């Protein structure tokens, strides 16, 4: 999964910004007109509503969702200052 982050006018480094707290999912959108992509984004939004994502300084992340009994864990890495790979 590749997540694109847009961080502008930020005084903190991107990694510090990510690890500074727990992120809460709010919204997911696409401007694509491809029906398969629109469906995928809609499904992802439904599954992630109320989810939280914690980026740890050691390169691990914890994704918790109200729909899942156990959190999902994995590793994260920044590519440059504006691309995040999970």
C-alpha atoms as a PDB file:
ATOM      1  CA  UNK A   1       0.000   0.000   0.000  1.00  0.00           C
ATOM      2  CA  UNK A   2       1.366   3.433  -0.862  1.00  0.00           C
ATOM      3  CA  UNK A   3       0.033   6.503   0.884  1.00  0.00           C
ATOM      4  CA  UNK A   4       0.822   9.936  -0.434  1.00  0.00           C
ATOM      5  CA  UNK A   5       1.220  12.648   2.158  1.00  0.00           C
ATOM      6  CA  UNK A   6       1.107  16.320   1.378  1.00  0.00           C
ATOM      7  CA  UNK A   7       3.009  18.270   4.004  1.00  0.00           C
ATOM      8  CA  UNK A   8       3.531  21.939   3.329  1.00  0.00           C
ATOM      9  CA  UNK A   9       4.669  24.834   5.476  1.00  0.00           C
ATOM     10  CA  UNK A  10       5.619  22.419   8.211  1.00  0.00           C
ATOM     11  CA  UNK A  11       8.388  23.275  10.649  1.00  0.00           C
ATOM     12  CA  UNK A  12       8.727  19.696  11.898  1.00  0.00           C
ATOM     13  CA  UNK A  13      10.439  16.969   9.922  1.00  0.00           C
ATOM     14  CA  UNK A  14       8.001  14.574   8.252  1.00  0.00           C
ATOM     15  CA  UNK A  15       9.007  11.617  10.441  1.00  0.00           C
ATOM     16  CA  UNK A  16       8.553  13.678  13.616  1.00  0.00           C
ATOM     17  CA  UNK A  17       5.148  14.823  12.407  1.00  0.00           C
ATOM     18  CA  UNK A  18       4.086  11.204  11.815  1.00  0.00           C
ATOM     19  CA  UNK A  19       5.292   9.882  15.186  1.00  0.00           C
ATOM     20  CA  UNK A  20       4.024  12.837  17.228  1.00  0.00           C
ATOM     21  CA  UNK A  21       0.627  11.285  17.969  1.00  0.00           C
ATOM     22  CA  UNK A  22      -2.088   8.918  16.849  1.00  0.00           C
ATOM     23  CA  UNK A  23      -3.754   9.667  13.517  1.00  0.00           C
ATOM     24  CA  UNK A  24      -7.515   9.246  13.123  1.00  0.00           C
ATOM     25  CA  UNK A  25      -9.063   8.389   9.754  1.00  0.00           C
ATOM     26  CA  UNK A  26     -11.473  11.072   8.544  1.00  0.00           C
ATOM     27  CA  UNK A  27     -12.079  10.805   4.811  1.00  0.00           C
ATOM     28  CA  UNK A  28     -10.985   9.200   1.554  1.00  0.00           C
ATOM     29  CA  UNK A  29     -11.744  10.592  -1.903  1.00  0.00           C
ATOM     30  CA  UNK A  30     -10.818  10.141  -5.529  1.00  0.00           C
ATOM     31  CA  UNK A  31     -11.315  12.296  -8.588  1.00  0.00           C
ATOM     32  CA  UNK A  32     -11.006   9.242 -10.824  1.00  0.00           C
ATOM     33  CA  UNK A  33     -13.856   8.311 -13.133  1.00  0.00           C
ATOM     34  CA  UNK A  34     -12.840   4.621 -13.216  1.00  0.00           C
ATOM     35  CA  UNK A  35     -15.689   2.692 -11.592  1.00  0.00           C
ATOM     36  CA  UNK A  36     -13.419  -0.017 -10.134  1.00  0.00           C
ATOM     37  CA  UNK A  37     -11.277   2.615  -8.397  1.00  0.00           C
ATOM     38  CA  UNK A  38     -14.336   4.507  -7.158  1.00  0.00           C
ATOM     39  CA  UNK A  39     -15.674   1.251  -5.661  1.00  0.00           C
ATOM     40  CA  UNK A  40     -12.318   0.460  -4.035  1.00  0.00           C
ATOM     41  CA  UNK A  41     -12.100   3.917  -2.459  1.00  0.00           C
ATOM     42  CA  UNK A  42     -15.696   3.637  -1.191  1.00  0.00           C
ATOM     43  CA  UNK A  43     -15.025   0.223   0.338  1.00  0.00           C
ATOM     44  CA  UNK A  44     -11.785   1.427   1.925  1.00  0.00           C
ATOM     45  CA  UNK A  45     -13.544   4.437   3.397  1.00  0.00           C
ATOM     46  CA  UNK A  46     -16.273   2.238   4.889  1.00  0.00           C
ATOM     47  CA  UNK A  47     -13.737  -0.150   6.412  1.00  0.00           C
ATOM     48  CA  UNK A  48     -11.519   2.591   7.825  1.00  0.00           C
ATOM     49  CA  UNK A  49     -14.184   4.832   9.374  1.00  0.00           C
ATOM     50  CA  UNK A  50     -13.182   5.309  13.011  1.00  0.00           C
ATOM     51  CA  UNK A  51      -9.760   3.706  12.503  1.00  0.00           C
ATOM     52  CA  UNK A  52      -6.576   5.019  14.086  1.00  0.00           C
ATOM     53  CA  UNK A  53      -2.990   4.753  12.866  1.00  0.00           C
ATOM     54  CA  UNK A  54       0.030   5.076  15.142  1.00  0.00           C
ATOM     55  CA  UNK A  55       3.491   5.512  13.617  1.00  0.00           C
ATOM     56  CA  UNK A  56       6.227   4.461  16.014  1.00  0.00           C
ATOM     57  CA  UNK A  57       9.757   5.865  15.916  1.00  0.00           C
ATOM     58  CA  UNK A  58      11.199   2.362  15.408  1.00  0.00           C
ATOM     59  CA  UNK A  59       9.564   2.148  11.951  1.00  0.00           C
ATOM     60  CA  UNK A  60       6.554   0.081  13.004  1.00  0.00           C
ATOM     61  CA  UNK A  61       2.901   1.100  12.757  1.00  0.00           C
ATOM     62  CA  UNK A  62      -0.321  -0.022  14.450  1.00  0.00           C
ATOM     63  CA  UNK A  63      -3.638   0.263  12.590  1.00  0.00           C
ATOM     64  CA  UNK A  64      -6.694  -0.192  14.812  1.00  0.00           C
ATOM     65  CA  UNK A  65     -10.221  -0.363  13.409  1.00  0.00           C
ATOM     66  CA  UNK A  66     -13.575  -0.720  15.145  1.00  0.00           C
ATOM     67  CA  UNK A  67     -14.357  -3.486  12.618  1.00  0.00           C
ATOM     68  CA  UNK A  68     -11.313  -5.600  13.520  1.00  0.00           C
ATOM     69  CA  UNK A  69     -10.835  -7.521  16.733  1.00  0.00           C
ATOM     70  CA  UNK A  70      -7.040  -7.210  16.606  1.00  0.00           C
ATOM     71  CA  UNK A  71      -4.942  -4.312  15.313  1.00  0.00           C
ATOM     72  CA  UNK A  72      -2.884  -4.667  12.143  1.00  0.00           C
ATOM     73  CA  UNK A  73       0.835  -4.040  12.510  1.00  0.00           C
ATOM     74  CA  UNK A  74       3.589  -3.537   9.990  1.00  0.00           C
ATOM     75  CA  UNK A  75       6.501  -1.349   9.022  1.00  0.00           C
ATOM     76  CA  UNK A  76       6.562   2.133   7.557  1.00  0.00           C
ATOM     77  CA  UNK A  77       9.230   4.084   5.698  1.00  0.00           C
ATOM     78  CA  UNK A  78       9.430   7.599   4.293  1.00  0.00           C
ATOM     79  CA  UNK A  79      10.607   8.038   0.726  1.00  0.00           C
ATOM     80  CA  UNK A  80      11.835  11.601   0.561  1.00  0.00           C
ATOM     81  CA  UNK A  81       9.793  14.117   2.516  1.00  0.00           C
ATOM     82  CA  UNK A  82       6.343  13.449   1.062  1.00  0.00           C
ATOM     83  CA  UNK A  83       5.863   9.726   0.323  1.00  0.00           C
ATOM     84  CA  UNK A  84       5.033   7.086   2.868  1.00  0.00           C
ATOM     85  CA  UNK A  85       5.243   3.353   2.266  1.00  0.00           C
ATOM     86  CA  UNK A  86       3.368   0.921   4.514  1.00  0.00           C
END
